[in-house]
Amino acid sequence: MRIYKTLIVIFSCLIVLDSYAQNTVNAVTVSGKYRKFALYGGVGPSYFINNLKILKDDVSNFKYAFSLKGMWEPQNSVVSLGIETGYYRLYTVKSTNPKGDVSNSTVPIMFVAGMKFSKRFYAYWSMGQSITFNKVSNTDSAYNFNNSVWSVADFAATFDYRIAQKERISYEVELKGFYSSKYENATIALLFIVGFKL
């Protein structure tokens, strides 16, 4: 519950920053140089769309996600390109019969295409692969069953609202949907993003 209170405080601070921030149309610095490369990183809560058949009722759906994007944003263009990675804790399971804990996480590596609809609204489409980590601990024995597997046909769709844009720093909120084809895992995340023009 503490993480949700923290996220509410962060979101409130971003709204306050918006009232003081000055928007810049092309993110041109004082020297007049346009910076076409940017990094975007953020964190937020996520919800796993439960597709499990075994232990379905024991799944903890609400988890968290991290995202990191490096983007090339040409001047006077509505299209941008880049690479995205991150970490999604998809779900955990606490089982009583058999007794044990299960956690499932994913690290994506994707190519990203972005489109700017206005100074505040953006959309991104990502395609690539990811590595999924399954950790199973059996508390009734000394054996743990951990494995990782590559999923080579994954994608994500993101809708982005830019709250504030300063000279080199931006504050954003993203709604991201992620799908991994290997186990047909899907999650939705609400991320609070900070962007930095390089």
N, C-alpha and C. Protein backbone atom coordinates (compact mmCIF):
# COMPACT_ATOMS: atom_id res chain seq x y z
N MET A 1 0.82 -1.19 0.00
CA MET A 1 0.00 0.00 0.00
C MET A 1 0.86 1.25 0.00
N ARG A 2 2.08 1.16 0.56
CA ARG A 2 2.97 2.31 0.66
C ARG A 2 3.38 2.81 -0.71
N ILE A 3 3.58 1.90 -1.68
CA ILE A 3 4.00 2.31 -3.02
C ILE A 3 2.92 3.14 -3.71
N TYR A 4 1.65 2.81 -3.48
CA TYR A 4 0.57 3.58 -4.11
C TYR A 4 0.48 4.99 -3.53
N LYS A 5 0.70 5.14 -2.22
CA LYS A 5 0.71 6.47 -1.62
C LYS A 5 1.87 7.30 -2.17
N THR A 6 3.03 6.66 -2.34
CA THR A 6 4.18 7.35 -2.90
C THR A 6 3.91 7.81 -4.32
N LEU A 7 3.27 6.97 -5.12
CA LEU A 7 2.96 7.34 -6.50
C LEU A 7 1.96 8.49 -6.57
N ILE A 8 1.02 8.53 -5.65
CA ILE A 8 0.05 9.63 -5.62
C ILE A 8 0.76 10.93 -5.30
N VAL A 9 1.72 10.90 -4.36
CA VAL A 9 2.50 12.10 -4.02
C VAL A 9 3.32 12.56 -5.22
N ILE A 10 3.96 11.62 -5.93
CA ILE A 10 4.76 11.97 -7.10
C ILE A 10 3.89 12.60 -8.17
N PHE A 11 2.72 12.02 -8.43
CA PHE A 11 1.82 12.54 -9.44
C PHE A 11 1.36 13.96 -9.06
N SER A 12 1.07 14.19 -7.79
CA SER A 12 0.66 15.53 -7.34
C SER A 12 1.78 16.54 -7.54
N CYS A 13 3.01 16.13 -7.26
CA CYS A 13 4.15 17.04 -7.46
C CYS A 13 4.32 17.39 -8.94
N LEU A 14 4.11 16.42 -9.81
CA LEU A 14 4.23 16.68 -11.24
C LEU A 14 3.18 17.68 -11.72
N ILE A 15 1.98 17.59 -11.17
CA ILE A 15 0.93 18.54 -11.55
C ILE A 15 1.31 19.95 -11.10
N VAL A 16 1.88 20.06 -9.89
CA VAL A 16 2.31 21.37 -9.41
C VAL A 16 3.44 21.93 -10.28
N LEU A 17 4.36 21.06 -10.68
CA LEU A 17 5.46 21.50 -11.56
C LEU A 17 4.93 22.03 -12.88
N ASP A 18 3.84 21.45 -13.35
CA ASP A 18 3.27 21.89 -14.62
C ASP A 18 2.81 23.33 -14.56
N SER A 19 2.34 23.77 -13.41
CA SER A 19 1.86 25.13 -13.30
C SER A 19 2.99 26.15 -13.33
N TYR A 20 4.23 25.69 -13.04
CA TYR A 20 5.37 26.60 -13.05
C TYR A 20 6.26 26.44 -14.28
N ALA A 21 6.13 25.33 -14.96
CA ALA A 21 7.04 25.05 -16.08
C ALA A 21 6.65 25.87 -17.30
N GLN A 22 7.67 26.28 -18.07
CA GLN A 22 7.43 26.98 -19.32
C GLN A 22 7.60 26.00 -20.46
N ASN A 23 6.59 25.90 -21.32
CA ASN A 23 6.65 24.98 -22.44
C ASN A 23 7.53 25.56 -23.54
N THR A 24 8.30 24.68 -24.19
CA THR A 24 9.09 25.05 -25.35
C THR A 24 8.67 24.18 -26.50
N VAL A 25 8.47 24.75 -27.68
CA VAL A 25 7.90 24.02 -28.80
C VAL A 25 8.87 22.98 -29.33
N ASN A 26 10.12 23.35 -29.54
CA ASN A 26 11.08 22.44 -30.16
C ASN A 26 12.21 22.04 -29.23
N ALA A 27 12.08 22.31 -27.93
CA ALA A 27 13.11 21.96 -26.96
C ALA A 27 14.45 22.54 -27.37
N VAL A 28 14.48 23.80 -27.82
CA VAL A 28 15.70 24.48 -28.21
C VAL A 28 16.31 25.11 -26.97
N THR A 29 17.58 24.94 -26.78
CA THR A 29 18.24 25.49 -25.61
C THR A 29 18.48 26.97 -25.80
N VAL A 30 19.02 27.61 -24.76
CA VAL A 30 19.29 29.04 -24.81
C VAL A 30 20.27 29.36 -25.93
N SER A 31 21.21 28.48 -26.18
CA SER A 31 22.20 28.70 -27.23
C SER A 31 21.62 28.51 -28.63
N GLY A 32 20.38 28.02 -28.74
CA GLY A 32 19.75 27.83 -30.03
C GLY A 32 19.99 26.46 -30.64
N LYS A 33 20.69 25.57 -29.93
CA LYS A 33 20.98 24.23 -30.46
C LYS A 33 19.82 23.28 -30.16
N TYR A 34 19.36 22.59 -31.20
CA TYR A 34 18.30 21.59 -31.00
C TYR A 34 18.93 20.26 -30.58
N ARG A 35 18.39 19.65 -29.56
CA ARG A 35 18.90 18.37 -29.06
C ARG A 35 17.96 17.26 -29.52
N LYS A 36 18.44 16.44 -30.43
CA LYS A 36 17.56 15.44 -31.05
C LYS A 36 17.57 14.08 -30.38
N PHE A 37 18.42 13.88 -29.38
CA PHE A 37 18.45 12.61 -28.65
C PHE A 37 17.92 12.83 -27.23
N ALA A 38 17.16 11.85 -26.75
CA ALA A 38 16.56 11.98 -25.42
C ALA A 38 16.49 10.63 -24.74
N LEU A 39 16.55 10.66 -23.41
CA LEU A 39 16.35 9.48 -22.58
C LEU A 39 15.09 9.68 -21.74
N TYR A 40 14.28 8.61 -21.64
CA TYR A 40 13.05 8.64 -20.84
C TYR A 40 13.05 7.44 -19.90
N GLY A 41 12.92 7.71 -18.62
CA GLY A 41 12.89 6.63 -17.64
C GLY A 41 11.77 6.85 -16.65
N GLY A 42 11.14 5.75 -16.22
CA GLY A 42 10.04 5.89 -15.29
C GLY A 42 9.67 4.62 -14.58
N VAL A 43 8.77 4.76 -13.63
CA VAL A 43 8.33 3.64 -12.80
C VAL A 43 6.86 3.84 -12.46
N GLY A 44 6.17 2.75 -12.18
CA GLY A 44 4.78 2.86 -11.77
C GLY A 44 4.15 1.50 -11.53
N PRO A 45 2.90 1.50 -11.10
CA PRO A 45 2.19 0.25 -10.81
C PRO A 45 1.76 -0.44 -12.10
N SER A 46 1.61 -1.75 -12.02
CA SER A 46 1.16 -2.53 -13.18
C SER A 46 0.11 -3.55 -12.74
N TYR A 47 -0.67 -4.00 -13.72
CA TYR A 47 -1.71 -5.00 -13.46
C TYR A 47 -1.58 -6.12 -14.47
N PHE A 48 -1.40 -7.34 -13.98
CA PHE A 48 -1.25 -8.52 -14.83
C PHE A 48 -2.63 -9.05 -15.23
N ILE A 49 -2.85 -9.25 -16.52
CA ILE A 49 -4.09 -9.83 -17.01
C ILE A 49 -3.97 -11.34 -16.87
N ASN A 50 -4.68 -11.86 -15.91
CA ASN A 50 -4.48 -13.25 -15.46
C ASN A 50 -4.95 -14.25 -16.52
N ASN A 51 -3.98 -15.00 -17.07
CA ASN A 51 -4.29 -16.03 -18.06
C ASN A 51 -3.90 -17.43 -17.57
N LEU A 52 -3.58 -17.55 -16.29
CA LEU A 52 -3.12 -18.83 -15.76
C LEU A 52 -4.28 -19.81 -15.60
N LYS A 53 -3.97 -21.08 -15.79
CA LYS A 53 -4.97 -22.13 -15.61
C LYS A 53 -4.74 -22.87 -14.30
N ILE A 54 -3.47 -22.94 -13.89
CA ILE A 54 -3.12 -23.57 -12.61
C ILE A 54 -2.85 -22.46 -11.59
N LEU A 55 -3.40 -22.58 -10.41
CA LEU A 55 -3.24 -21.60 -9.33
C LEU A 55 -3.76 -20.21 -9.70
N LYS A 56 -4.75 -20.16 -10.56
CA LYS A 56 -5.30 -18.89 -11.04
C LYS A 56 -5.83 -18.02 -9.90
N ASP A 57 -6.47 -18.63 -8.92
CA ASP A 57 -7.08 -17.87 -7.83
C ASP A 57 -6.06 -17.36 -6.81
N ASP A 58 -4.81 -17.84 -6.87
CA ASP A 58 -3.79 -17.43 -5.91
C ASP A 58 -2.87 -16.34 -6.46
N VAL A 59 -3.16 -15.84 -7.66
CA VAL A 59 -2.28 -14.87 -8.31
C VAL A 59 -2.44 -13.48 -7.70
N SER A 60 -1.31 -12.82 -7.46
CA SER A 60 -1.30 -11.41 -7.06
C SER A 60 -1.04 -10.59 -8.32
N ASN A 61 -2.08 -9.89 -8.81
CA ASN A 61 -2.01 -9.22 -10.12
C ASN A 61 -1.31 -7.87 -10.08
N PHE A 62 -1.46 -7.12 -9.00
CA PHE A 62 -0.91 -5.76 -8.93
C PHE A 62 0.57 -5.83 -8.56
N LYS A 63 1.41 -5.34 -9.45
CA LYS A 63 2.85 -5.32 -9.23
C LYS A 63 3.42 -3.97 -9.67
N TYR A 64 4.60 -3.96 -10.28
CA TYR A 64 5.25 -2.72 -10.66
C TYR A 64 6.04 -2.91 -11.94
N ALA A 65 6.40 -1.80 -12.56
CA ALA A 65 7.15 -1.84 -13.82
C ALA A 65 8.12 -0.67 -13.87
N PHE A 66 9.27 -0.91 -14.51
CA PHE A 66 10.25 0.12 -14.83
C PHE A 66 10.39 0.18 -16.34
N SER A 67 10.64 1.37 -16.87
CA SER A 67 10.82 1.53 -18.31
C SER A 67 11.95 2.50 -18.58
N LEU A 68 12.73 2.22 -19.65
CA LEU A 68 13.81 3.11 -20.08
C LEU A 68 13.83 3.12 -21.60
N LYS A 69 13.72 4.34 -22.18
CA LYS A 69 13.74 4.50 -23.63
C LYS A 69 14.84 5.48 -24.01
N GLY A 70 15.54 5.16 -25.09
CA GLY A 70 16.45 6.10 -25.75
C GLY A 70 15.89 6.42 -27.11
N MET A 71 15.61 7.72 -27.37
CA MET A 71 14.90 8.10 -28.59
C MET A 71 15.70 9.10 -29.43
N TRP A 72 15.55 8.96 -30.75
CA TRP A 72 16.04 9.93 -31.73
C TRP A 72 14.84 10.71 -32.23
N GLU A 73 14.82 12.01 -31.95
CA GLU A 73 13.66 12.85 -32.25
C GLU A 73 14.10 13.99 -33.19
N PRO A 74 14.00 13.79 -34.50
CA PRO A 74 14.44 14.82 -35.45
C PRO A 74 13.61 16.09 -35.31
N GLN A 75 14.25 17.22 -35.56
CA GLN A 75 13.56 18.50 -35.48
C GLN A 75 12.50 18.60 -36.58
N ASN A 76 11.36 19.20 -36.24
CA ASN A 76 10.26 19.43 -37.18
C ASN A 76 9.70 18.13 -37.76
N SER A 77 9.79 17.03 -37.00
CA SER A 77 9.24 15.76 -37.43
C SER A 77 8.30 15.23 -36.35
N VAL A 78 7.21 14.61 -36.76
CA VAL A 78 6.28 14.04 -35.78
C VAL A 78 6.62 12.60 -35.46
N VAL A 79 7.60 12.02 -36.15
CA VAL A 79 7.99 10.61 -35.95
C VAL A 79 9.35 10.55 -35.27
N SER A 80 9.49 9.64 -34.30
CA SER A 80 10.75 9.41 -33.61
C SER A 80 11.02 7.91 -33.54
N LEU A 81 12.30 7.55 -33.40
CA LEU A 81 12.72 6.15 -33.36
C LEU A 81 13.64 5.93 -32.17
N GLY A 82 13.67 4.68 -31.68
CA GLY A 82 14.55 4.42 -30.55
C GLY A 82 14.55 2.97 -30.11
N ILE A 83 15.10 2.76 -28.92
CA ILE A 83 15.22 1.43 -28.31
C ILE A 83 14.67 1.52 -26.89
N GLU A 84 13.97 0.47 -26.48
CA GLU A 84 13.34 0.45 -25.16
C GLU A 84 13.70 -0.82 -24.41
N THR A 85 13.89 -0.68 -23.11
CA THR A 85 14.07 -1.82 -22.23
C THR A 85 13.35 -1.51 -20.92
N GLY A 86 13.50 -2.35 -19.95
CA GLY A 86 12.84 -2.12 -18.67
C GLY A 86 12.78 -3.39 -17.85
N TYR A 87 11.88 -3.39 -16.89
CA TYR A 87 11.68 -4.55 -16.03
C TYR A 87 10.22 -4.57 -15.60
N TYR A 88 9.51 -5.65 -15.89
CA TYR A 88 8.12 -5.81 -15.51
C TYR A 88 8.00 -6.98 -14.54
N ARG A 89 7.60 -6.70 -13.31
CA ARG A 89 7.23 -7.79 -12.40
C ARG A 89 5.79 -8.13 -12.73
N LEU A 90 5.58 -9.25 -13.42
CA LEU A 90 4.26 -9.56 -13.94
C LEU A 90 3.30 -10.01 -12.84
N TYR A 91 3.70 -11.03 -12.07
CA TYR A 91 2.81 -11.53 -11.02
C TYR A 91 3.60 -12.38 -10.04
N THR A 92 2.99 -12.63 -8.91
CA THR A 92 3.50 -13.59 -7.93
C THR A 92 2.34 -14.48 -7.50
N VAL A 93 2.70 -15.69 -7.05
CA VAL A 93 1.71 -16.66 -6.57
C VAL A 93 2.21 -17.24 -5.26
N LYS A 94 1.34 -17.26 -4.26
CA LYS A 94 1.64 -17.96 -3.00
C LYS A 94 0.71 -19.15 -2.92
N SER A 95 1.28 -20.32 -3.05
CA SER A 95 0.48 -21.55 -3.08
C SER A 95 0.58 -22.27 -1.74
N THR A 96 -0.55 -22.85 -1.32
CA THR A 96 -0.56 -23.64 -0.09
C THR A 96 -0.58 -25.14 -0.36
N ASN A 97 -1.01 -25.52 -1.55
CA ASN A 97 -1.04 -26.94 -1.90
C ASN A 97 -0.74 -27.12 -3.39
N PRO A 98 0.50 -27.44 -3.75
CA PRO A 98 1.68 -27.60 -2.90
C PRO A 98 2.17 -26.27 -2.36
N LYS A 99 2.91 -26.30 -1.26
CA LYS A 99 3.35 -25.08 -0.61
C LYS A 99 4.56 -24.51 -1.35
N GLY A 100 4.47 -23.24 -1.73
CA GLY A 100 5.58 -22.63 -2.45
C GLY A 100 5.23 -21.25 -2.95
N ASP A 101 6.24 -20.56 -3.48
CA ASP A 101 6.08 -19.22 -4.03
C ASP A 101 6.55 -19.20 -5.48
N VAL A 102 5.82 -18.47 -6.31
CA VAL A 102 6.15 -18.34 -7.72
C VAL A 102 6.21 -16.86 -8.06
N SER A 103 7.23 -16.44 -8.81
CA SER A 103 7.28 -15.07 -9.32
C SER A 103 7.66 -15.11 -10.79
N ASN A 104 7.10 -14.19 -11.56
CA ASN A 104 7.33 -14.13 -13.00
C ASN A 104 7.65 -12.70 -13.38
N SER A 105 8.80 -12.49 -14.03
CA SER A 105 9.26 -11.16 -14.41
C SER A 105 9.77 -11.19 -15.84
N THR A 106 9.76 -10.02 -16.49
CA THR A 106 10.18 -9.92 -17.88
C THR A 106 11.06 -8.69 -18.08
N VAL A 107 12.11 -8.86 -18.89
CA VAL A 107 12.98 -7.74 -19.32
C VAL A 107 12.89 -7.66 -20.84
N PRO A 108 12.25 -6.62 -21.39
CA PRO A 108 12.13 -6.50 -22.85
C PRO A 108 13.31 -5.77 -23.47
N ILE A 109 13.57 -6.06 -24.73
CA ILE A 109 14.52 -5.32 -25.56
C ILE A 109 13.83 -5.09 -26.89
N MET A 110 13.41 -3.84 -27.15
CA MET A 110 12.51 -3.58 -28.28
C MET A 110 12.92 -2.34 -29.07
N PHE A 111 12.57 -2.37 -30.37
CA PHE A 111 12.66 -1.18 -31.20
C PHE A 111 11.37 -0.39 -31.04
N VAL A 112 11.48 0.94 -31.01
CA VAL A 112 10.33 1.80 -30.74
C VAL A 112 10.13 2.79 -31.88
N ALA A 113 8.89 2.99 -32.28
CA ALA A 113 8.51 4.07 -33.19
C ALA A 113 7.49 4.93 -32.46
N GLY A 114 7.74 6.24 -32.42
CA GLY A 114 6.86 7.16 -31.72
C GLY A 114 6.24 8.17 -32.66
N MET A 115 5.07 8.69 -32.30
CA MET A 115 4.40 9.72 -33.08
C MET A 115 3.89 10.81 -32.14
N LYS A 116 4.15 12.05 -32.54
CA LYS A 116 3.72 13.21 -31.77
C LYS A 116 2.43 13.74 -32.36
N PHE A 117 1.37 13.78 -31.55
CA PHE A 117 0.08 14.28 -32.02
C PHE A 117 -0.11 15.76 -31.68
N SER A 118 0.52 16.20 -30.60
CA SER A 118 0.48 17.61 -30.20
C SER A 118 1.66 17.84 -29.26
N LYS A 119 1.73 19.01 -28.64
CA LYS A 119 2.82 19.28 -27.71
C LYS A 119 2.74 18.39 -26.48
N ARG A 120 1.57 17.82 -26.22
CA ARG A 120 1.39 17.03 -24.99
C ARG A 120 1.08 15.56 -25.23
N PHE A 121 0.51 15.19 -26.36
CA PHE A 121 0.08 13.82 -26.59
C PHE A 121 1.02 13.09 -27.56
N TYR A 122 1.47 11.90 -27.13
CA TYR A 122 2.37 11.07 -27.91
C TYR A 122 1.88 9.63 -27.87
N ALA A 123 2.28 8.85 -28.87
CA ALA A 123 1.99 7.41 -28.89
C ALA A 123 3.23 6.68 -29.36
N TYR A 124 3.47 5.49 -28.79
CA TYR A 124 4.64 4.68 -29.15
C TYR A 124 4.19 3.25 -29.43
N TRP A 125 4.85 2.63 -30.40
CA TRP A 125 4.64 1.22 -30.71
C TRP A 125 6.01 0.54 -30.66
N SER A 126 6.10 -0.53 -29.88
CA SER A 126 7.37 -1.23 -29.68
C SER A 126 7.23 -2.67 -30.09
N MET A 127 8.27 -3.20 -30.74
CA MET A 127 8.32 -4.61 -31.12
C MET A 127 9.72 -5.14 -30.88
N GLY A 128 9.79 -6.41 -30.45
CA GLY A 128 11.09 -7.01 -30.22
C GLY A 128 10.97 -8.31 -29.45
N GLN A 129 11.91 -8.50 -28.55
CA GLN A 129 11.94 -9.73 -27.78
C GLN A 129 12.12 -9.41 -26.30
N SER A 130 11.95 -10.43 -25.48
CA SER A 130 12.13 -10.25 -24.05
C SER A 130 12.60 -11.56 -23.44
N ILE A 131 13.17 -11.43 -22.26
CA ILE A 131 13.56 -12.62 -21.51
C ILE A 131 12.69 -12.67 -20.25
N THR A 132 12.05 -13.82 -20.05
CA THR A 132 11.14 -14.01 -18.92
C THR A 132 11.81 -14.89 -17.88
N PHE A 133 11.75 -14.44 -16.63
CA PHE A 133 12.35 -15.16 -15.51
C PHE A 133 11.24 -15.75 -14.66
N ASN A 134 11.27 -17.07 -14.51
CA ASN A 134 10.33 -17.78 -13.64
C ASN A 134 11.10 -18.30 -12.43
N LYS A 135 10.66 -17.91 -11.24
CA LYS A 135 11.30 -18.39 -10.02
C LYS A 135 10.26 -19.12 -9.17
N VAL A 136 10.56 -20.36 -8.83
CA VAL A 136 9.66 -21.19 -8.04
C VAL A 136 10.41 -21.70 -6.83
N SER A 137 9.95 -21.36 -5.65
CA SER A 137 10.57 -21.86 -4.43
C SER A 137 9.59 -22.76 -3.70
N ASN A 138 10.02 -23.96 -3.41
CA ASN A 138 9.19 -24.95 -2.72
C ASN A 138 9.62 -24.98 -1.26
N THR A 139 8.77 -24.47 -0.38
CA THR A 139 9.14 -24.39 1.03
C THR A 139 9.06 -25.74 1.75
N ASP A 140 8.49 -26.76 1.09
CA ASP A 140 8.43 -28.09 1.69
C ASP A 140 9.69 -28.91 1.42
N SER A 141 10.57 -28.39 0.57
CA SER A 141 11.79 -29.12 0.26
C SER A 141 12.92 -28.11 0.06
N ALA A 142 14.11 -28.64 -0.17
CA ALA A 142 15.29 -27.78 -0.35
C ALA A 142 15.48 -27.40 -1.80
N TYR A 143 14.58 -27.77 -2.69
CA TYR A 143 14.77 -27.55 -4.12
C TYR A 143 13.97 -26.34 -4.60
N ASN A 144 14.65 -25.51 -5.39
CA ASN A 144 14.00 -24.40 -6.07
C ASN A 144 14.08 -24.63 -7.57
N PHE A 145 13.07 -24.21 -8.29
CA PHE A 145 13.01 -24.45 -9.73
C PHE A 145 12.95 -23.11 -10.44
N ASN A 146 14.10 -22.67 -10.94
CA ASN A 146 14.19 -21.39 -11.61
C ASN A 146 14.60 -21.59 -13.07
N ASN A 147 14.01 -20.82 -13.95
CA ASN A 147 14.43 -20.89 -15.34
C ASN A 147 14.15 -19.56 -16.02
N SER A 148 14.74 -19.37 -17.18
CA SER A 148 14.49 -18.17 -17.99
C SER A 148 14.33 -18.62 -19.44
N VAL A 149 13.53 -17.86 -20.19
CA VAL A 149 13.24 -18.23 -21.56
C VAL A 149 13.09 -16.96 -22.39
N TRP A 150 13.53 -17.02 -23.65
CA TRP A 150 13.40 -15.89 -24.56
C TRP A 150 12.06 -15.95 -25.27
N SER A 151 11.45 -14.81 -25.41
CA SER A 151 10.24 -14.66 -26.21
C SER A 151 10.57 -13.69 -27.33
N VAL A 152 10.43 -14.12 -28.59
CA VAL A 152 10.99 -13.36 -29.71
C VAL A 152 9.94 -12.57 -30.50
N ALA A 153 8.70 -12.59 -30.08
CA ALA A 153 7.65 -11.87 -30.82
C ALA A 153 6.76 -11.12 -29.85
N ASP A 154 7.34 -10.11 -29.18
CA ASP A 154 6.61 -9.34 -28.18
C ASP A 154 6.34 -7.93 -28.69
N PHE A 155 5.38 -7.27 -28.09
CA PHE A 155 5.11 -5.90 -28.49
C PHE A 155 4.51 -5.12 -27.32
N ALA A 156 4.55 -3.79 -27.46
CA ALA A 156 3.97 -2.90 -26.45
C ALA A 156 3.38 -1.69 -27.16
N ALA A 157 2.30 -1.17 -26.60
CA ALA A 157 1.67 0.07 -27.10
C ALA A 157 1.58 1.04 -25.94
N THR A 158 1.96 2.29 -26.20
CA THR A 158 2.04 3.29 -25.14
C THR A 158 1.35 4.58 -25.55
N PHE A 159 0.55 5.14 -24.65
CA PHE A 159 -0.03 6.47 -24.82
C PHE A 159 0.56 7.37 -23.75
N ASP A 160 1.09 8.51 -24.18
CA ASP A 160 1.90 9.37 -23.32
C ASP A 160 1.29 10.77 -23.26
N TYR A 161 1.18 11.31 -22.04
CA TYR A 161 0.75 12.69 -21.84
C TYR A 161 1.88 13.45 -21.18
N ARG A 162 2.36 14.49 -21.84
CA ARG A 162 3.47 15.30 -21.33
C ARG A 162 2.90 16.38 -20.43
N ILE A 163 3.16 16.25 -19.14
CA ILE A 163 2.63 17.20 -18.16
C ILE A 163 3.36 18.54 -18.25
N ALA A 164 4.68 18.49 -18.31
CA ALA A 164 5.48 19.71 -18.33
C ALA A 164 6.70 19.51 -19.20
N GLN A 165 7.11 20.58 -19.91
CA GLN A 165 8.29 20.55 -20.77
C GLN A 165 9.16 21.76 -20.45
N LYS A 166 10.33 21.51 -19.91
CA LYS A 166 11.30 22.57 -19.69
C LYS A 166 12.32 22.53 -20.82
N GLU A 167 13.42 23.25 -20.62
CA GLU A 167 14.42 23.35 -21.67
C GLU A 167 14.98 21.99 -22.06
N ARG A 168 15.35 21.17 -21.07
CA ARG A 168 15.90 19.85 -21.37
C ARG A 168 15.20 18.72 -20.63
N ILE A 169 14.31 19.04 -19.69
CA ILE A 169 13.66 18.03 -18.87
C ILE A 169 12.15 18.07 -19.11
N SER A 170 11.55 16.89 -19.18
CA SER A 170 10.09 16.79 -19.30
C SER A 170 9.57 15.81 -18.26
N TYR A 171 8.30 16.01 -17.89
CA TYR A 171 7.60 15.15 -16.94
C TYR A 171 6.36 14.61 -17.64
N GLU A 172 6.18 13.28 -17.58
CA GLU A 172 5.13 12.65 -18.38
C GLU A 172 4.44 11.54 -17.61
N VAL A 173 3.26 11.20 -18.08
CA VAL A 173 2.53 10.03 -17.57
C VAL A 173 2.24 9.13 -18.77
N GLU A 174 2.54 7.84 -18.62
CA GLU A 174 2.34 6.88 -19.71
C GLU A 174 1.38 5.78 -19.29
N LEU A 175 0.52 5.40 -20.21
CA LEU A 175 -0.29 4.20 -20.07
C LEU A 175 0.26 3.18 -21.07
N LYS A 176 0.83 2.08 -20.55
CA LYS A 176 1.54 1.12 -21.40
C LYS A 176 0.89 -0.25 -21.31
N GLY A 177 0.68 -0.86 -22.47
CA GLY A 177 0.24 -2.25 -22.53
C GLY A 177 1.35 -3.10 -23.12
N PHE A 178 1.69 -4.20 -22.45
CA PHE A 178 2.79 -5.08 -22.89
C PHE A 178 2.27 -6.49 -23.06
N TYR A 179 2.71 -7.16 -24.15
CA TYR A 179 2.30 -8.54 -24.43
C TYR A 179 3.52 -9.37 -24.79
N SER A 180 3.68 -10.50 -24.12
CA SER A 180 4.77 -11.44 -24.40
C SER A 180 4.16 -12.72 -24.97
N SER A 181 4.61 -13.11 -26.16
CA SER A 181 3.97 -14.19 -26.89
C SER A 181 4.31 -15.59 -26.36
N LYS A 182 5.45 -15.74 -25.68
CA LYS A 182 5.90 -17.07 -25.29
C LYS A 182 4.89 -17.75 -24.36
N TYR A 183 4.48 -17.02 -23.31
CA TYR A 183 3.49 -17.56 -22.36
C TYR A 183 2.16 -16.81 -22.45
N GLU A 184 2.04 -15.98 -23.48
CA GLU A 184 0.84 -15.15 -23.66
C GLU A 184 0.57 -14.29 -22.43
N ASN A 185 1.64 -13.73 -21.87
CA ASN A 185 1.52 -12.84 -20.72
C ASN A 185 1.20 -11.43 -21.19
N ALA A 186 0.30 -10.77 -20.49
CA ALA A 186 -0.05 -9.39 -20.81
C ALA A 186 -0.18 -8.60 -19.52
N THR A 187 0.29 -7.34 -19.57
CA THR A 187 0.20 -6.47 -18.41
C THR A 187 -0.06 -5.05 -18.86
N ILE A 188 -0.70 -4.28 -17.99
CA ILE A 188 -0.96 -2.86 -18.23
C ILE A 188 -0.30 -2.08 -17.10
N ALA A 189 0.44 -1.02 -17.45
CA ALA A 189 1.18 -0.25 -16.45
C ALA A 189 0.89 1.24 -16.61
N LEU A 190 0.86 1.94 -15.48
CA LEU A 190 0.75 3.39 -15.46
C LEU A 190 2.09 3.91 -14.94
N LEU A 191 2.87 4.54 -15.82
CA LEU A 191 4.23 4.93 -15.50
C LEU A 191 4.37 6.44 -15.39
N PHE A 192 5.17 6.87 -14.43
CA PHE A 192 5.50 8.27 -14.25
C PHE A 192 6.92 8.48 -14.77
N ILE A 193 7.06 9.30 -15.82
CA ILE A 193 8.27 9.36 -16.63
C ILE A 193 8.96 10.70 -16.45
N VAL A 194 10.30 10.65 -16.42
CA VAL A 194 11.12 11.86 -16.52
C VAL A 194 11.96 11.72 -17.79
N GLY A 195 11.92 12.74 -18.66
CA GLY A 195 12.70 12.74 -19.89
C GLY A 195 13.83 13.76 -19.81
N PHE A 196 14.93 13.45 -20.49
CA PHE A 196 16.09 14.34 -20.49
C PHE A 196 16.68 14.42 -21.88
N LYS A 197 16.77 15.62 -22.44
CA LYS A 197 17.37 15.84 -23.75
C LYS A 197 18.89 15.81 -23.62
N LEU A 198 19.56 15.00 -24.43
CA LEU A 198 21.02 14.86 -24.34
C LEU A 198 21.72 15.96 -25.13
